Amino acid sequence: MTRLLSVAAAVAGLMTAPAAFAQGGTYYNAVPVAAPAKNSVITSGTLWKCTGPACSAPKSTQRDAIMCQLVVQRIGALKSFSVNGQPFGAAELAECNSRAG
């Protein structure tokens, strides 16, 4: 009986994992200087969702600085950019904003 419960628990865990994985969570947060024209943009296969004054995206395989540069190319200069809750410093943000198109 214990083995059956263990198997059932493992199967239940596998069934809920895809839903959690699909949501992705917020890893990157970008606050543009001007409101973005679209509610969502895609950078290098990563979907950014923009609501209110900020855009957010799940973790990517790209380096953090590259993700910042990619998003400024799509939505313009940023007031702030954070990675997993840690904000970019002034120099990092300036370098990122230099790539705005």
N, C-alpha and C. Protein backbone atom coordinates (compact mmCIF):
# COMPACT_ATOMS: atom_id res chain seq x y z
N MET A 1 0.82 -1.20 0.00
CA MET A 1 0.00 0.00 0.00
C MET A 1 0.86 1.26 0.00
N THR A 2 1.93 1.23 0.78
CA THR A 2 2.82 2.39 0.84
C THR A 2 3.45 2.65 -0.52
N ARG A 3 3.83 1.57 -1.20
CA ARG A 3 4.43 1.72 -2.53
C ARG A 3 3.44 2.33 -3.52
N LEU A 4 2.20 1.92 -3.45
CA LEU A 4 1.16 2.46 -4.33
C LEU A 4 0.98 3.96 -4.08
N LEU A 5 0.99 4.37 -2.82
CA LEU A 5 0.86 5.78 -2.50
C LEU A 5 2.06 6.58 -3.01
N SER A 6 3.26 5.99 -2.93
CA SER A 6 4.46 6.67 -3.43
C SER A 6 4.37 6.88 -4.93
N VAL A 7 3.93 5.85 -5.64
CA VAL A 7 3.79 5.95 -7.09
C VAL A 7 2.73 6.99 -7.45
N ALA A 8 1.62 6.99 -6.73
CA ALA A 8 0.55 7.95 -7.00
C ALA A 8 1.03 9.38 -6.75
N ALA A 9 1.79 9.57 -5.70
CA ALA A 9 2.32 10.91 -5.40
C ALA A 9 3.29 11.36 -6.49
N ALA A 10 4.12 10.45 -6.98
CA ALA A 10 5.08 10.79 -8.03
C ALA A 10 4.35 11.17 -9.32
N VAL A 11 3.33 10.42 -9.66
CA VAL A 11 2.55 10.72 -10.87
C VAL A 11 1.85 12.07 -10.73
N ALA A 12 1.29 12.34 -9.56
CA ALA A 12 0.61 13.62 -9.34
C ALA A 12 1.60 14.77 -9.47
N GLY A 13 2.81 14.59 -8.98
CA GLY A 13 3.85 15.62 -9.10
C GLY A 13 4.21 15.87 -10.54
N LEU A 14 4.31 14.83 -11.33
CA LEU A 14 4.62 14.99 -12.75
C LEU A 14 3.51 15.69 -13.51
N MET A 15 2.29 15.48 -13.09
CA MET A 15 1.17 16.10 -13.79
C MET A 15 1.09 17.60 -13.51
N THR A 16 1.52 18.04 -12.33
CA THR A 16 1.46 19.47 -12.02
C THR A 16 2.70 20.20 -12.49
N ALA A 17 3.80 19.52 -12.71
CA ALA A 17 5.05 20.16 -13.12
C ALA A 17 4.93 20.92 -14.44
N PRO A 18 4.28 20.37 -15.48
CA PRO A 18 4.19 21.12 -16.73
C PRO A 18 3.48 22.47 -16.58
N ALA A 19 2.45 22.53 -15.75
CA ALA A 19 1.74 23.79 -15.56
C ALA A 19 2.65 24.82 -14.91
N ALA A 20 3.40 24.41 -13.91
CA ALA A 20 4.32 25.34 -13.25
C ALA A 20 5.43 25.75 -14.21
N PHE A 21 5.94 24.83 -15.01
CA PHE A 21 7.00 25.13 -15.96
C PHE A 21 6.50 26.08 -17.04
N ALA A 22 5.27 25.87 -17.49
CA ALA A 22 4.72 26.72 -18.56
C ALA A 22 4.57 28.16 -18.10
N GLN A 23 4.24 28.37 -16.83
CA GLN A 23 4.09 29.73 -16.33
C GLN A 23 5.43 30.45 -16.31
N GLY A 24 6.49 29.71 -16.03
CA GLY A 24 7.82 30.28 -16.10
C GLY A 24 8.20 31.17 -14.94
N GLY A 25 7.32 32.01 -14.50
CA GLY A 25 7.65 32.94 -13.44
C GLY A 25 8.41 34.13 -13.98
N THR A 26 8.58 35.12 -13.13
CA THR A 26 9.30 36.33 -13.52
C THR A 26 10.73 36.25 -13.05
N TYR A 27 11.65 36.38 -13.96
CA TYR A 27 13.07 36.39 -13.64
C TYR A 27 13.68 37.74 -14.01
N TYR A 28 13.25 38.26 -15.15
CA TYR A 28 13.71 39.57 -15.61
C TYR A 28 12.56 40.57 -15.46
N ASN A 29 12.90 41.79 -15.06
CA ASN A 29 11.91 42.85 -14.95
C ASN A 29 12.51 44.13 -15.55
N ALA A 30 11.82 44.69 -16.52
CA ALA A 30 12.30 45.89 -17.21
C ALA A 30 11.24 46.98 -17.11
N VAL A 31 11.67 48.16 -16.69
CA VAL A 31 10.75 49.31 -16.63
C VAL A 31 11.21 50.32 -17.68
N PRO A 32 10.48 50.41 -18.80
CA PRO A 32 10.89 51.32 -19.87
C PRO A 32 10.62 52.78 -19.52
N VAL A 33 11.37 53.68 -20.15
CA VAL A 33 11.19 55.12 -19.97
C VAL A 33 9.81 55.51 -20.50
N ALA A 34 9.45 55.02 -21.68
CA ALA A 34 8.14 55.28 -22.28
C ALA A 34 7.35 53.97 -22.33
N ALA A 35 6.05 54.07 -22.17
CA ALA A 35 5.21 52.88 -22.20
C ALA A 35 5.39 52.14 -23.52
N PRO A 36 5.56 50.81 -23.46
CA PRO A 36 5.73 50.05 -24.70
C PRO A 36 4.46 50.07 -25.55
N ALA A 37 4.64 50.01 -26.85
CA ALA A 37 3.51 50.06 -27.78
C ALA A 37 2.71 48.76 -27.78
N LYS A 38 3.35 47.65 -27.39
CA LYS A 38 2.69 46.35 -27.41
C LYS A 38 2.65 45.76 -26.01
N ASN A 39 1.69 44.84 -25.80
CA ASN A 39 1.57 44.16 -24.51
C ASN A 39 2.57 43.02 -24.35
N SER A 40 3.17 42.60 -25.46
CA SER A 40 4.17 41.54 -25.37
C SER A 40 5.16 41.68 -26.52
N VAL A 41 6.39 41.25 -26.26
CA VAL A 41 7.43 41.21 -27.29
C VAL A 41 8.23 39.93 -27.09
N ILE A 42 8.89 39.50 -28.15
CA ILE A 42 9.72 38.31 -28.07
C ILE A 42 11.16 38.70 -28.40
N THR A 43 12.08 38.29 -27.52
CA THR A 43 13.50 38.53 -27.76
C THR A 43 14.22 37.19 -27.69
N SER A 44 14.84 36.81 -28.76
CA SER A 44 15.63 35.57 -28.80
C SER A 44 14.87 34.38 -28.21
N GLY A 45 13.59 34.28 -28.55
CA GLY A 45 12.77 33.17 -28.09
C GLY A 45 12.18 33.33 -26.71
N THR A 46 12.39 34.47 -26.06
CA THR A 46 11.85 34.71 -24.72
C THR A 46 10.68 35.69 -24.83
N LEU A 47 9.54 35.30 -24.25
CA LEU A 47 8.34 36.13 -24.29
C LEU A 47 8.35 37.10 -23.11
N TRP A 48 8.29 38.39 -23.42
CA TRP A 48 8.17 39.45 -22.43
C TRP A 48 6.71 39.89 -22.41
N LYS A 49 6.11 39.97 -21.22
CA LYS A 49 4.74 40.45 -21.07
C LYS A 49 4.80 41.81 -20.38
N CYS A 50 4.14 42.78 -21.00
CA CYS A 50 4.16 44.14 -20.49
C CYS A 50 2.78 44.50 -19.94
N THR A 51 2.75 44.85 -18.67
CA THR A 51 1.53 45.31 -18.02
C THR A 51 1.88 46.50 -17.15
N GLY A 52 1.06 47.53 -17.25
CA GLY A 52 1.35 48.74 -16.48
C GLY A 52 2.69 49.32 -16.89
N PRO A 53 3.50 49.71 -15.92
CA PRO A 53 4.77 50.37 -16.26
C PRO A 53 5.94 49.41 -16.50
N ALA A 54 5.72 48.10 -16.39
CA ALA A 54 6.85 47.17 -16.46
C ALA A 54 6.60 46.01 -17.41
N CYS A 55 7.71 45.43 -17.87
CA CYS A 55 7.68 44.22 -18.68
C CYS A 55 8.47 43.14 -17.93
N SER A 56 8.00 41.91 -18.00
CA SER A 56 8.69 40.84 -17.30
C SER A 56 8.80 39.60 -18.19
N ALA A 57 9.78 38.77 -17.85
CA ALA A 57 10.03 37.55 -18.64
C ALA A 57 10.62 36.48 -17.74
N PRO A 58 10.43 35.21 -18.14
CA PRO A 58 11.06 34.12 -17.40
C PRO A 58 12.55 34.03 -17.71
N LYS A 59 13.26 33.23 -16.97
CA LYS A 59 14.70 33.06 -17.17
C LYS A 59 14.99 32.54 -18.58
N SER A 60 16.07 33.02 -19.13
CA SER A 60 16.50 32.65 -20.48
C SER A 60 17.87 31.99 -20.42
N THR A 61 18.28 31.43 -21.53
CA THR A 61 19.63 30.86 -21.60
C THR A 61 20.67 31.94 -21.93
N GLN A 62 20.20 33.13 -22.29
CA GLN A 62 21.12 34.24 -22.61
C GLN A 62 21.70 34.82 -21.32
N ARG A 63 22.86 35.47 -21.43
CA ARG A 63 23.41 36.19 -20.28
C ARG A 63 22.50 37.36 -19.93
N ASP A 64 22.54 37.78 -18.69
CA ASP A 64 21.66 38.84 -18.22
C ASP A 64 21.85 40.15 -18.99
N ALA A 65 23.09 40.54 -19.23
CA ALA A 65 23.37 41.78 -19.96
C ALA A 65 22.81 41.70 -21.38
N ILE A 66 22.90 40.54 -22.00
CA ILE A 66 22.36 40.36 -23.35
C ILE A 66 20.84 40.48 -23.33
N MET A 67 20.19 39.91 -22.32
CA MET A 67 18.73 40.02 -22.23
C MET A 67 18.31 41.48 -22.11
N CYS A 68 19.06 42.25 -21.33
CA CYS A 68 18.76 43.67 -21.20
C CYS A 68 18.90 44.36 -22.56
N GLN A 69 19.99 44.09 -23.25
CA GLN A 69 20.21 44.72 -24.55
C GLN A 69 19.14 44.32 -25.56
N LEU A 70 18.72 43.07 -25.53
CA LEU A 70 17.69 42.62 -26.46
C LEU A 70 16.36 43.31 -26.19
N VAL A 71 16.01 43.47 -24.92
CA VAL A 71 14.72 44.10 -24.62
C VAL A 71 14.74 45.59 -24.94
N VAL A 72 15.85 46.29 -24.73
CA VAL A 72 15.87 47.71 -25.08
C VAL A 72 15.78 47.91 -26.59
N GLN A 73 16.26 46.95 -27.35
CA GLN A 73 16.14 47.04 -28.81
C GLN A 73 14.68 46.93 -29.24
N ARG A 74 13.86 46.28 -28.43
CA ARG A 74 12.45 46.08 -28.78
C ARG A 74 11.52 47.12 -28.16
N ILE A 75 11.81 47.59 -26.92
CA ILE A 75 10.88 48.49 -26.24
C ILE A 75 11.46 49.86 -25.93
N GLY A 76 12.75 50.07 -26.20
CA GLY A 76 13.36 51.37 -25.95
C GLY A 76 14.10 51.42 -24.62
N ALA A 77 14.64 52.59 -24.33
CA ALA A 77 15.46 52.80 -23.13
C ALA A 77 14.69 52.44 -21.86
N LEU A 78 15.44 52.01 -20.85
CA LEU A 78 14.85 51.56 -19.60
C LEU A 78 15.19 52.49 -18.44
N LYS A 79 14.22 52.62 -17.52
CA LYS A 79 14.47 53.30 -16.24
C LYS A 79 15.21 52.36 -15.31
N SER A 80 14.83 51.06 -15.38
CA SER A 80 15.47 50.06 -14.52
C SER A 80 15.36 48.69 -15.16
N PHE A 81 16.28 47.82 -14.75
CA PHE A 81 16.29 46.43 -15.21
C PHE A 81 16.77 45.59 -14.04
N SER A 82 16.03 44.54 -13.72
CA SER A 82 16.46 43.67 -12.62
C SER A 82 16.42 42.21 -13.05
N VAL A 83 17.30 41.45 -12.41
CA VAL A 83 17.44 40.03 -12.69
C VAL A 83 17.24 39.28 -11.38
N ASN A 84 16.18 38.48 -11.34
CA ASN A 84 15.86 37.71 -10.15
C ASN A 84 15.81 38.61 -8.91
N GLY A 85 15.23 39.79 -9.07
CA GLY A 85 15.07 40.72 -7.97
C GLY A 85 16.26 41.64 -7.70
N GLN A 86 17.37 41.44 -8.39
CA GLN A 86 18.56 42.26 -8.19
C GLN A 86 18.68 43.30 -9.30
N PRO A 87 18.59 44.60 -8.96
CA PRO A 87 18.64 45.63 -10.00
C PRO A 87 20.03 45.80 -10.59
N PHE A 88 20.06 46.14 -11.87
CA PHE A 88 21.32 46.52 -12.52
C PHE A 88 21.81 47.81 -11.89
N GLY A 89 23.12 47.96 -11.79
CA GLY A 89 23.71 49.21 -11.33
C GLY A 89 23.62 50.26 -12.43
N ALA A 90 23.96 51.50 -12.08
CA ALA A 90 23.87 52.61 -13.03
C ALA A 90 24.72 52.38 -14.27
N ALA A 91 25.94 51.87 -14.09
CA ALA A 91 26.83 51.64 -15.24
C ALA A 91 26.30 50.53 -16.14
N GLU A 92 25.79 49.46 -15.52
CA GLU A 92 25.23 48.35 -16.31
C GLU A 92 24.02 48.80 -17.09
N LEU A 93 23.16 49.59 -16.45
CA LEU A 93 21.96 50.08 -17.12
C LEU A 93 22.31 51.04 -18.25
N ALA A 94 23.30 51.89 -18.03
CA ALA A 94 23.74 52.82 -19.09
C ALA A 94 24.26 52.05 -20.29
N GLU A 95 25.06 51.02 -20.06
CA GLU A 95 25.59 50.19 -21.15
C GLU A 95 24.44 49.52 -21.90
N CYS A 96 23.48 49.01 -21.15
CA CYS A 96 22.32 48.37 -21.77
C CYS A 96 21.54 49.38 -22.61
N ASN A 97 21.26 50.54 -22.06
CA ASN A 97 20.49 51.57 -22.79
C ASN A 97 21.21 52.10 -24.01
N SER A 98 22.52 51.94 -24.06
CA SER A 98 23.25 52.40 -25.25
C SER A 98 22.88 51.58 -26.48
N ARG A 99 22.22 50.45 -26.27
CA ARG A 99 21.82 49.57 -27.39
C ARG A 99 20.40 49.85 -27.85
N ALA A 100 19.72 50.81 -27.22
CA ALA A 100 18.33 51.11 -27.60
C ALA A 100 18.27 51.56 -29.05
N GLY A 101 17.25 51.08 -29.76
CA GLY A 101 17.15 51.39 -31.18
C GLY A 101 16.15 52.37 -31.51
